[in-house]
Amino acid sequence: MIENEDIFNKITGMVNLNDAHFKVILDNQNLILKNQEVLFKEFKKINERLDKLEE
């Protein structure tokens, strides 16, 4: 019976670790999206300045 409990605990640990990795991946994706938003805003500002220079 101890063997089955040990296997169950190992599987539970693997599931929890997988869950933690998934959360880290989601956090990283959110950071990437935020960075893309910032870059987009900065490029928009640069384009507006370039447009003004061309006028």
Protein backbone atom coordinates (compact mmCIF):
# COMPACT_ATOMS: atom_id res chain seq x y z
CA MET A 1 0.00 0.00 0.00
CA ILE A 2 2.90 2.33 0.71
CA GLU A 3 4.04 1.84 -2.89
CA ASN A 4 0.69 3.05 -4.25
CA GLU A 5 0.73 6.04 -1.90
CA ASP A 6 4.26 6.89 -3.02
CA ILE A 7 3.22 6.72 -6.67
CA PHE A 8 0.17 8.87 -5.92
CA ASN A 9 2.34 11.46 -4.14
CA LYS A 10 4.79 11.55 -7.04
CA ILE A 11 1.97 12.05 -9.56
CA THR A 12 0.42 14.77 -7.38
CA GLY A 13 3.81 16.48 -7.14
CA MET A 14 4.22 16.31 -10.92
CA VAL A 15 0.74 17.77 -11.46
CA ASN A 16 1.47 20.60 -9.03
CA LEU A 17 4.80 21.31 -10.72
CA ASN A 18 3.11 21.28 -14.12
CA ASP A 19 0.50 23.71 -12.79
CA ALA A 20 3.23 26.02 -11.50
CA HIS A 21 5.03 25.93 -14.85
CA PHE A 22 1.78 26.73 -16.63
CA LYS A 23 1.25 29.76 -14.36
CA VAL A 24 4.80 30.95 -15.09
CA ILE A 25 4.16 30.61 -18.82
CA LEU A 26 0.95 32.64 -18.51
CA ASP A 27 2.76 35.33 -16.50
CA ASN A 28 5.46 35.48 -19.16
CA GLN A 29 2.88 35.78 -21.93
CA ASN A 30 1.21 38.65 -20.06
CA LEU A 31 4.57 40.41 -19.71
CA ILE A 32 5.22 39.95 -23.43
CA LEU A 33 1.83 41.46 -24.24
CA LYS A 34 2.50 44.44 -21.99
CA ASN A 35 5.90 44.96 -23.60
CA GLN A 36 4.33 44.80 -27.05
CA GLU A 37 1.79 47.43 -26.01
CA VAL A 38 4.57 49.72 -24.77
CA LEU A 39 6.57 49.21 -27.97
CA PHE A 40 3.50 49.88 -30.09
CA LYS A 41 2.84 53.16 -28.24
CA GLU A 42 6.49 54.21 -28.63
CA PHE A 43 6.52 53.42 -32.36
CA LYS A 44 3.29 55.35 -32.74
CA LYS A 45 4.94 58.38 -31.08
CA ILE A 46 7.98 58.03 -33.35
CA ASN A 47 5.76 57.84 -36.43
CA GLU A 48 3.87 60.95 -35.34
CA ARG A 49 7.15 62.83 -34.88
CA LEU A 50 8.38 61.70 -38.28
CA ASP A 51 5.12 62.85 -39.86
CA LYS A 52 5.56 66.27 -38.27
CA LEU A 53 9.12 66.50 -39.57
CA GLU A 54 7.95 65.70 -43.10
CA GLU A 55 5.37 68.52 -43.01
